[in-house]
């Protein structure tokens, strides 16, 4: 997927967490989590600007776990200024997991457990460059995120 598709996937994946936080009377923390999920939605694609293979190390569960741990560490270090360290870690983890899932619908797929496993996963549903798929994912994610908050507020 491209940027818009990954943003939509992150919103779609984080919506249940945001809804739960809002329902528990913490809409500010829900908003921080949404912002973190959006900010990290395309982080694995930083490999396109690095001297490593695209969909290589940054498209693994190991990268997801490391980034989530760093987010928790940053949350602890800043003393909750940006919300709960657990929510920050969860937002990063959910966002990066949605990135891996979105890339797995393309023919190129991902190797989520490399280098420990050469297993390749692809649903082979649509090319990453398909503008309709990217806009559909952004639209779905945006709608679900907004509805998840609106229904709780009502």
Protein backbone atom coordinates (compact mmCIF):
# COMPACT_ATOMS: atom_id res chain seq x y z
CA UNK A 1 0.00 0.00 0.00
CA UNK A 2 0.93 3.64 -0.31
CA UNK A 3 0.81 6.40 2.29
CA UNK A 4 -2.98 6.98 2.19
CA UNK A 5 -3.72 3.29 2.45
CA UNK A 6 -1.42 2.91 5.45
CA UNK A 7 -2.98 5.90 7.18
CA UNK A 8 -6.41 4.37 6.69
CA UNK A 9 -5.24 0.98 7.93
CA UNK A 10 -3.80 2.58 11.09
CA UNK A 11 -7.03 4.44 11.78
CA UNK A 12 -9.08 1.31 11.20
CA UNK A 13 -6.88 -0.79 13.48
CA UNK A 14 -6.62 1.79 16.27
CA UNK A 15 -10.34 2.71 16.30
CA UNK A 16 -11.33 0.02 18.85
CA UNK A 17 -8.56 1.14 21.22
CA UNK A 18 -9.58 4.78 20.82
CA UNK A 19 -13.22 3.91 21.38
CA UNK A 20 -12.38 2.01 24.54
CA UNK A 21 -10.36 4.92 25.92
CA UNK A 22 -13.12 7.40 25.09
CA UNK A 23 -15.74 5.14 26.66
CA UNK A 24 -13.60 5.05 29.82
CA UNK A 25 -13.72 8.86 29.99
CA UNK A 26 -10.26 9.51 28.55
CA UNK A 27 -10.88 11.10 25.13
CA UNK A 28 -7.61 13.07 25.35
CA UNK A 29 -5.60 9.87 25.66
CA UNK A 30 -7.63 8.39 22.80
CA UNK A 31 -6.73 11.42 20.65
CA UNK A 32 -3.04 11.12 21.55
CA UNK A 33 -3.17 7.45 20.58
CA UNK A 34 -4.80 8.30 17.24
CA UNK A 35 -2.10 10.91 16.60
CA UNK A 36 0.67 8.42 17.41
CA UNK A 37 -0.93 5.74 15.22
CA UNK A 38 -1.16 8.19 12.32
CA UNK A 39 2.40 9.47 12.87
CA UNK A 40 3.87 5.96 12.79
CA UNK A 41 1.65 4.47 10.07
CA UNK A 42 4.31 4.75 7.37
CA UNK A 43 7.39 4.26 9.58
CA UNK A 44 8.29 0.87 8.04
CA UNK A 45 8.59 2.56 4.64
CA UNK A 46 11.58 4.52 5.93
CA UNK A 47 13.51 1.64 4.37
CA UNK A 48 12.95 3.29 1.00
CA UNK A 49 15.37 6.02 2.11
CA UNK A 50 17.86 3.66 3.74
CA UNK A 51 20.47 1.32 2.23
CA UNK A 52 18.38 -1.77 3.05
CA UNK A 53 15.86 -3.81 1.10
CA UNK A 54 12.33 -2.48 0.85
CA UNK A 55 10.02 -4.66 2.91
CA UNK A 56 13.04 -6.08 4.64
CA UNK A 57 13.91 -5.56 8.32
CA UNK A 58 11.41 -2.75 8.85
CA UNK A 59 8.56 -4.97 7.73
CA UNK A 60 8.95 -7.62 10.44
CA UNK A 61 7.36 -8.35 13.78
CA UNK A 62 10.78 -7.68 15.34
CA UNK A 63 10.71 -4.07 14.12
CA UNK A 64 7.12 -3.76 15.40
CA UNK A 65 8.11 -5.06 18.85
CA UNK A 66 11.23 -2.88 19.05
CA UNK A 67 9.34 0.29 18.07
CA UNK A 68 6.56 -0.49 20.55
CA UNK A 69 9.13 -0.97 23.31
CA UNK A 70 10.82 2.32 22.41
CA UNK A 71 7.42 4.07 22.54
CA UNK A 72 6.77 2.66 26.02
CA UNK A 73 10.26 3.77 27.07
CA UNK A 74 9.68 7.28 25.73
CA UNK A 75 6.35 7.36 27.55
CA UNK A 76 8.02 6.40 30.81
CA UNK A 77 10.88 8.89 30.25
CA UNK A 78 8.55 11.85 29.70
CA UNK A 79 6.47 10.88 32.71
CA UNK A 80 3.10 10.61 31.05
CA UNK A 81 3.23 14.06 29.43
CA UNK A 82 1.91 12.51 26.22
CA UNK A 83 -0.33 9.97 27.87
CA UNK A 84 0.06 6.50 29.23
CA UNK A 85 3.27 4.67 28.18
CA UNK A 86 1.17 1.53 27.58
CA UNK A 87 -1.21 3.40 25.27
CA UNK A 88 1.74 4.90 23.37
CA UNK A 89 3.27 1.45 22.92
CA UNK A 90 -0.09 0.00 21.90
CA UNK A 91 -0.72 2.78 19.39
CA UNK A 92 2.67 2.17 17.77
CA UNK A 93 2.21 -1.60 17.81
CA UNK A 94 -1.29 -1.48 16.34
CA UNK A 95 -0.22 1.02 13.70
CA UNK A 96 2.82 -1.01 12.61
CA UNK A 97 0.81 -4.24 12.64
CA UNK A 98 -1.74 -2.57 10.36
CA UNK A 99 1.11 -1.56 8.05
CA UNK A 100 2.32 -5.16 7.80
CA UNK A 101 -1.21 -6.41 7.20
CA UNK A 102 -1.85 -3.77 4.52
CA UNK A 103 1.37 -4.70 2.73
CA UNK A 104 0.47 -8.37 2.90
CA UNK A 105 -2.53 -7.81 0.61
CA UNK A 106 -0.14 -6.92 -2.23
CA UNK A 107 1.58 -9.42 -4.53
CA UNK A 108 5.00 -8.44 -3.10
CA UNK A 109 3.84 -9.40 0.40
CA UNK A 110 6.10 -9.47 3.44
CA UNK A 111 8.45 -11.80 5.33
CA UNK A 112 7.22 -11.01 8.85
CA UNK A 113 9.62 -13.29 10.75
CA UNK A 114 12.83 -12.67 8.79
CA UNK A 115 15.63 -13.44 9.37
CA UNK A 116 14.51 -16.32 11.59
CA UNK A 117 12.13 -17.59 8.94
CA UNK A 118 12.01 -17.16 5.19
CA UNK A 119 8.23 -17.58 5.21
CA UNK A 120 6.63 -15.18 2.77
CA UNK A 121 3.04 -14.03 3.20
CA UNK A 122 0.88 -12.43 0.54
CA UNK A 123 -2.89 -12.40 0.06
CA UNK A 124 -2.12 -11.17 -3.50
CA UNK A 125 -5.31 -9.09 -3.68
CA UNK A 126 -4.17 -5.78 -5.18
CA UNK A 127 -1.00 -3.98 -6.20
CA UNK A 128 0.33 -1.46 -3.66
CA UNK A 129 -0.06 1.33 -6.24
CA UNK A 130 -3.78 0.72 -6.79
CA UNK A 131 -5.29 4.18 -6.11
CA UNK A 132 -8.78 2.77 -5.53
CA UNK A 133 -7.55 0.35 -2.88
CA UNK A 134 -5.55 3.06 -1.11
CA UNK A 135 -8.43 5.56 -1.12
CA UNK A 136 -10.89 2.86 -0.04
CA UNK A 137 -8.69 1.94 2.90
CA UNK A 138 -8.25 5.60 3.89
CA UNK A 139 -12.00 6.17 3.60
CA UNK A 140 -12.87 3.07 5.63
CA UNK A 141 -10.33 3.88 8.33
CA UNK A 142 -11.44 7.50 8.59
CA UNK A 143 -15.12 6.56 8.76
CA UNK A 144 -14.62 3.86 11.38
CA UNK A 145 -12.38 6.10 13.50
CA UNK A 146 -14.87 8.95 13.42
CA UNK A 147 -17.84 6.69 14.09
CA UNK A 148 -16.02 4.96 16.94
CA UNK A 149 -15.72 8.30 18.68
CA UNK A 150 -19.08 9.78 17.68
CA UNK A 151 -21.12 6.82 18.84
CA UNK A 152 -19.54 6.90 22.27
CA UNK A 153 -20.00 10.64 22.66
CA UNK A 154 -23.67 10.32 21.71
